[in-house]
N, C-alpha and C. Protein backbone atom coordinates (compact mmCIF):
# COMPACT_ATOMS: atom_id res chain seq x y z
N MET A 1 1.15 -1.20 0.17
CA MET A 1 0.07 0.36 -0.01
C MET A 1 0.79 1.37 -0.04
N LYS A 2 0.42 2.42 -0.61
CA LYS A 2 1.38 3.60 -0.94
C LYS A 2 0.36 4.85 -0.03
N GLU A 3 0.59 5.17 0.35
CA GLU A 3 -0.16 6.55 0.87
C GLU A 3 0.18 7.59 0.57
N ILE A 4 -0.47 8.61 -0.02
CA ILE A 4 -0.37 9.92 -1.01
C ILE A 4 -0.33 10.70 0.19
N ASN A 5 0.81 11.36 0.69
CA ASN A 5 0.43 12.31 1.95
C ASN A 5 1.02 13.63 1.46
N THR A 6 -0.19 14.48 1.71
CA THR A 6 0.45 15.96 1.47
C THR A 6 0.02 16.68 3.21
N GLU A 7 0.48 18.24 3.02
CA GLU A 7 0.06 18.75 4.22
C GLU A 7 -1.68 19.10 4.00
N PHE A 8 -2.36 18.84 3.10
CA PHE A 8 -3.68 18.82 3.02
C PHE A 8 -4.48 18.09 3.33
N GLY A 9 -4.14 16.90 3.38
CA GLY A 9 -4.87 15.72 3.22
C GLY A 9 -3.82 14.14 2.88
N TYR A 10 -4.58 13.02 2.76
CA TYR A 10 -3.89 12.09 2.18
C TYR A 10 -5.15 10.96 1.59
N ALA A 11 -4.60 10.13 0.52
CA ALA A 11 -5.15 8.94 0.17
C ALA A 11 -4.46 7.82 -0.09
N ASP A 12 -4.66 6.42 0.64
CA ASP A 12 -4.19 5.31 0.41
C ASP A 12 -4.40 4.54 -1.14
N VAL A 13 -3.48 4.12 -1.58
CA VAL A 13 -3.80 3.03 -2.82
C VAL A 13 -3.00 2.10 -2.90
N ALA A 14 -3.81 0.80 -2.99
CA ALA A 14 -3.55 -0.66 -2.71
C ALA A 14 -3.87 -1.75 -3.55
N VAL A 15 -2.94 -2.47 -4.18
CA VAL A 15 -3.38 -3.63 -4.95
C VAL A 15 -4.31 -5.02 -3.95
N PHE A 16 -5.50 -4.97 -4.87
CA PHE A 16 -6.05 -5.94 -4.08
C PHE A 16 -6.43 -7.01 -5.26
N GLU A 17 -6.77 -8.44 -4.74
CA GLU A 17 -7.11 -9.16 -5.35
C GLU A 17 -8.96 -9.32 -5.40
N ASN A 18 -9.79 -9.45 -6.69
CA ASN A 18 -11.02 -9.71 -6.31
C ASN A 18 -11.28 -11.20 -5.66
N GLU A 19 -11.90 -11.43 -4.76
CA GLU A 19 -12.07 -12.82 -4.26
C GLU A 19 -13.15 -13.88 -4.90
N ILE A 20 -14.06 -13.10 -6.10
CA ILE A 20 -14.77 -13.85 -7.18
C ILE A 20 -14.04 -14.09 -8.31
N THR A 21 -13.71 -12.95 -8.56
CA THR A 21 -12.80 -12.91 -9.99
C THR A 21 -11.44 -13.77 -10.26
N GLU A 22 -10.97 -13.44 -8.95
CA GLU A 22 -9.34 -13.87 -8.46
C GLU A 22 -8.47 -12.59 -9.37
N GLU A 23 -9.17 -11.40 -9.94
CA GLU A 23 -8.37 -10.49 -10.96
C GLU A 23 -8.01 -9.25 -9.87
N LYS A 24 -6.57 -8.92 -10.31
CA LYS A 24 -6.07 -7.99 -9.34
C LYS A 24 -6.40 -6.54 -9.93
N ALA A 25 -6.83 -5.53 -9.35
CA ALA A 25 -7.18 -4.37 -9.12
C ALA A 25 -6.16 -3.50 -8.33
N VAL A 26 -6.64 -1.90 -8.54
CA VAL A 26 -5.98 -1.23 -7.33
C VAL A 26 -6.93 -0.27 -6.98
N LYS A 27 -7.14 -0.24 -5.63
CA LYS A 27 -8.22 0.49 -5.11
C LYS A 27 -7.70 2.07 -4.57
N ILE A 28 -8.23 2.92 -4.90
CA ILE A 28 -7.96 4.25 -4.08
C ILE A 28 -8.73 4.67 -2.86
N ASP A 29 -8.26 4.66 -1.44
CA ASP A 29 -9.15 4.25 -0.49
C ASP A 29 -8.68 5.64 0.36
N PHE A 30 -9.53 5.94 1.25
CA PHE A 30 -9.39 6.84 2.29
C PHE A 30 -8.81 8.14 1.76
N LEU A 31 -9.58 8.83 0.69
CA LEU A 31 -9.54 10.11 0.16
C LEU A 31 -9.75 11.07 1.41
N TYR A 32 -8.99 11.38 1.95
CA TYR A 32 -9.22 12.64 3.12
C TYR A 32 -8.64 13.98 3.20
N VAL A 33 -9.50 15.42 3.11
CA VAL A 33 -9.12 16.44 3.23
C VAL A 33 -9.22 16.72 4.62
N ASN A 34 -8.02 17.57 5.04
CA ASN A 34 -8.09 18.47 6.06
C ASN A 34 -9.40 19.06 6.58
N GLU A 35 -10.31 19.31 7.45
CA GLU A 35 -11.35 20.15 7.25
C GLU A 35 -11.23 21.53 7.14
N ASN A 36 -9.90 22.38 7.64
CA ASN A 36 -9.88 23.63 7.09
C ASN A 36 -9.08 23.82 5.84
N CYS A 37 -9.15 22.84 4.80
CA CYS A 37 -8.36 22.57 3.69
C CYS A 37 -9.22 22.30 2.64
N ARG A 38 -10.45 22.26 2.79
CA ARG A 38 -11.93 21.63 1.91
C ARG A 38 -11.90 22.70 1.22
N LYS A 39 -12.84 22.50 -0.07
CA LYS A 39 -13.64 23.18 -1.24
C LYS A 39 -12.18 24.10 -1.73
N GLN A 40 -11.13 23.95 -1.63
CA GLN A 40 -9.92 24.62 -1.77
C GLN A 40 -9.20 24.12 -3.36
N GLY A 41 -9.61 22.75 -3.70
CA GLY A 41 -8.71 22.10 -4.82
C GLY A 41 -7.64 21.11 -4.37
N HIS A 42 -8.00 21.13 -2.85
CA HIS A 42 -6.75 20.00 -2.83
C HIS A 42 -7.55 18.51 -2.57
N GLY A 43 -8.68 18.31 -2.60
CA GLY A 43 -8.79 16.99 -2.64
C GLY A 43 -8.48 16.64 -4.19
N GLU A 44 -9.33 17.16 -4.96
CA GLU A 44 -8.63 16.94 -6.66
C GLU A 44 -7.33 16.68 -6.87
N GLU A 45 -6.05 17.43 -6.11
CA GLU A 45 -5.03 17.55 -6.18
C GLU A 45 -4.35 16.16 -5.55
N ILE A 46 -4.89 15.85 -4.71
CA ILE A 46 -4.53 14.45 -3.85
C ILE A 46 -4.71 13.27 -4.73
N LEU A 47 -6.25 13.52 -5.31
CA LEU A 47 -6.64 12.42 -5.98
C LEU A 47 -6.02 12.28 -7.35
N LYS A 48 -5.75 13.24 -8.13
CA LYS A 48 -4.78 13.21 -9.09
C LYS A 48 -3.67 12.48 -9.02
N GLU A 49 -2.88 12.82 -7.91
CA GLU A 49 -1.66 12.56 -7.61
C GLU A 49 -1.88 10.80 -7.57
N ALA A 50 -2.99 10.57 -6.86
CA ALA A 50 -3.34 9.02 -6.54
C ALA A 50 -3.35 8.06 -7.85
N ILE A 51 -4.13 9.00 -8.64
CA ILE A 51 -4.51 8.34 -10.18
C ILE A 51 -3.40 7.75 -10.77
N GLU A 52 -2.62 8.92 -10.79
CA GLU A 52 -1.37 8.65 -11.53
C GLU A 52 -0.76 7.64 -10.88
N TYR A 53 -0.19 7.47 -9.57
CA TYR A 53 0.42 6.03 -9.00
C TYR A 53 -0.25 4.90 -9.38
N ALA A 54 -1.45 5.06 -9.46
CA ALA A 54 -2.36 3.50 -9.48
C ALA A 54 -2.06 3.44 -10.78
N LYS A 55 -1.96 4.25 -11.43
CA LYS A 55 -2.00 3.85 -13.21
C LYS A 55 -0.72 2.92 -13.64
N GLY A 56 0.27 3.51 -12.68
CA GLY A 56 1.46 2.60 -13.04
C GLY A 56 1.67 1.13 -13.19
N TYR A 57 0.69 0.60 -12.33
CA TYR A 57 0.16 -0.55 -11.94
C TYR A 57 -0.38 -1.71 -13.68
N ASN A 58 -0.61 -0.72 -14.13
CA ASN A 58 -1.01 -1.00 -15.46
C ASN A 58 -2.73 -1.95 -15.22
N LEU A 59 -3.28 -1.94 -14.32
CA LEU A 59 -4.71 -2.91 -13.98
C LEU A 59 -5.57 -1.77 -13.48
N PRO A 60 -7.09 -2.25 -13.46
CA PRO A 60 -8.22 -1.47 -13.21
C PRO A 60 -7.99 -0.60 -11.87
N VAL A 61 -8.41 0.49 -11.77
CA VAL A 61 -8.53 1.08 -10.80
C VAL A 61 -10.02 2.08 -10.44
N TYR A 62 -10.49 1.37 -9.14
CA TYR A 62 -11.49 1.51 -8.33
C TYR A 62 -11.52 2.65 -7.14
N ILE A 63 -12.40 3.10 -7.23
CA ILE A 63 -12.44 3.95 -5.88
C ILE A 63 -14.01 3.76 -5.15
N VAL A 64 -14.33 3.78 -3.98
CA VAL A 64 -15.81 3.64 -3.62
C VAL A 64 -16.07 4.69 -2.95
N ALA A 65 -17.31 5.35 -3.17
CA ALA A 65 -17.75 6.82 -3.06
C ALA A 65 -19.09 5.98 -1.79
N SER A 66 -18.57 6.77 -0.82
CA SER A 66 -19.57 6.13 0.33
C SER A 66 -19.61 7.66 1.36
N GLU A 67 -20.99 7.79 1.91
CA GLU A 67 -21.14 9.09 2.45
C GLU A 67 -21.06 8.69 3.88
N LEU A 68 -19.61 9.10 4.88
CA LEU A 68 -19.31 8.61 6.01
C LEU A 68 -19.85 9.82 6.80
N ASP A 69 -19.84 11.23 6.55
CA ASP A 69 -20.23 12.23 7.33
C ASP A 69 -21.16 13.25 6.24
N GLU A 70 -22.48 13.26 6.48
CA GLU A 70 -23.27 13.79 5.46
C GLU A 70 -23.14 15.42 5.70
N ASP A 71 -22.49 16.17 6.91
CA ASP A 71 -22.03 17.46 7.12
C ASP A 71 -21.00 17.65 6.21
N VAL A 72 -19.97 17.10 6.08
CA VAL A 72 -18.74 16.90 5.03
C VAL A 72 -19.24 17.26 3.69
N ILE A 73 -19.66 16.18 2.96
CA ILE A 73 -19.99 16.02 1.39
C ILE A 73 -21.51 14.95 1.43
N GLU A 74 -22.22 15.32 0.28
CA GLU A 74 -23.17 14.48 0.28
C GLU A 74 -23.01 13.55 -0.77
N LEU A 75 -23.46 12.22 -0.80
CA LEU A 75 -23.16 10.77 -1.78
C LEU A 75 -23.31 11.39 -3.19
N SER A 76 -24.31 11.77 -3.54
CA SER A 76 -24.16 12.60 -5.05
C SER A 76 -23.34 13.44 -5.23
N ASP A 77 -23.04 14.40 -4.45
CA ASP A 77 -21.75 15.37 -4.68
C ASP A 77 -20.43 14.22 -4.59
N LEU A 78 -20.45 13.74 -3.75
CA LEU A 78 -18.87 12.64 -3.98
C LEU A 78 -19.10 12.14 -5.32
N VAL A 79 -20.00 11.22 -5.63
CA VAL A 79 -19.77 10.73 -7.16
C VAL A 79 -19.88 11.39 -8.41
N GLU A 80 -20.26 12.40 -8.23
CA GLU A 80 -20.33 13.44 -9.19
C GLU A 80 -18.54 14.34 -9.53
N PHE A 81 -17.80 14.62 -8.10
CA PHE A 81 -16.53 14.80 -8.07
C PHE A 81 -16.01 13.32 -8.88
N TYR A 82 -16.07 12.22 -8.03
CA TYR A 82 -15.34 11.59 -8.62
C TYR A 82 -15.51 10.93 -10.73
N GLU A 83 -16.87 11.78 -10.72
CA GLU A 83 -17.02 11.21 -12.22
C GLU A 83 -16.40 12.25 -12.80
N ASN A 84 -16.37 13.63 -12.29
CA ASN A 84 -15.67 14.59 -12.95
C ASN A 84 -14.05 14.28 -13.23
N MET A 85 -13.56 13.16 -12.07
CA MET A 85 -12.13 13.11 -12.14
C MET A 85 -11.99 11.88 -13.09
N GLY A 86 -12.77 11.54 -13.50
CA GLY A 86 -12.69 10.13 -15.02
C GLY A 86 -13.40 8.85 -14.57
N PHE A 87 -13.76 8.69 -13.18
CA PHE A 87 -14.45 7.46 -12.60
C PHE A 87 -15.69 7.22 -13.49
N GLU A 88 -16.10 6.04 -13.51
CA GLU A 88 -17.28 5.86 -13.62
C GLU A 88 -18.40 4.84 -12.93
N VAL A 89 -19.51 5.19 -12.73
CA VAL A 89 -20.30 4.03 -11.26
C VAL A 89 -20.38 2.82 -12.24
N GLU A 90 -19.76 1.81 -11.47
CA GLU A 90 -19.68 0.24 -12.11
C GLU A 90 -20.62 -0.25 -10.67
N ASP A 91 -21.04 0.05 -9.52
CA ASP A 91 -22.12 -0.71 -9.27
C ASP A 91 -22.63 0.00 -7.86
N ALA A 92 -23.90 0.13 -7.60
CA ALA A 92 -24.54 1.36 -6.49
C ALA A 92 -25.73 0.39 -5.56
N ASN A 93 -25.56 0.56 -4.44
CA ASN A 93 -26.49 -0.15 -3.32
C ASN A 93 -27.06 0.76 -2.51
N GLY A 94 -27.00 2.10 -2.63
CA GLY A 94 -27.81 3.26 -2.00
C GLY A 94 -26.67 3.94 -0.77
N GLU A 95 -25.77 2.96 -0.13
CA GLU A 95 -25.02 3.34 0.99
C GLU A 95 -23.80 3.78 0.60
N SER A 96 -23.32 3.06 -0.76
CA SER A 96 -21.99 3.10 -1.40
C SER A 96 -22.06 2.92 -2.63
N VAL A 97 -20.88 3.57 -3.82
CA VAL A 97 -20.91 3.79 -5.18
C VAL A 97 -19.58 3.25 -5.48
N VAL A 98 -19.26 2.16 -6.16
CA VAL A 98 -18.36 1.69 -6.77
C VAL A 98 -18.36 2.16 -8.09
N MET A 99 -17.16 2.78 -8.12
CA MET A 99 -16.36 3.39 -9.41
C MET A 99 -15.27 3.02 -9.72
N LEU A 100 -15.17 2.55 -11.31
CA LEU A 100 -14.25 2.35 -12.26
C LEU A 100 -13.64 3.37 -12.85
N LEU A 101 -12.33 3.90 -12.79
CA LEU A 101 -11.34 4.78 -13.80
C LEU A 101 -11.85 4.29 -15.40
N ASN A 102 -11.87 5.54 -15.97
CA ASN A 102 -11.76 5.34 -17.46
C ASN A 102 -10.45 4.91 -18.29
């Protein structure tokens, strides 16, 4: 696992194996922006760096959108943010949305 760490926040990038298909993929996990740094473009910067690192594996790249705290961001807004960064919805269950990078 690789942690993309900046003074504004962090994201984790890890290779995993799908238990059903046994195929390997990369997951960008725990994208977090410090509270006093939100709404300033830092999340986009951190995610871009994580995406570039993840692409280096030449494997499918996933991210899961889930609403951890509705006071921070609504799930629909988070999905839209990830879509703007190049991800497409792969699966959704109401509480979380699995997204795949184009």
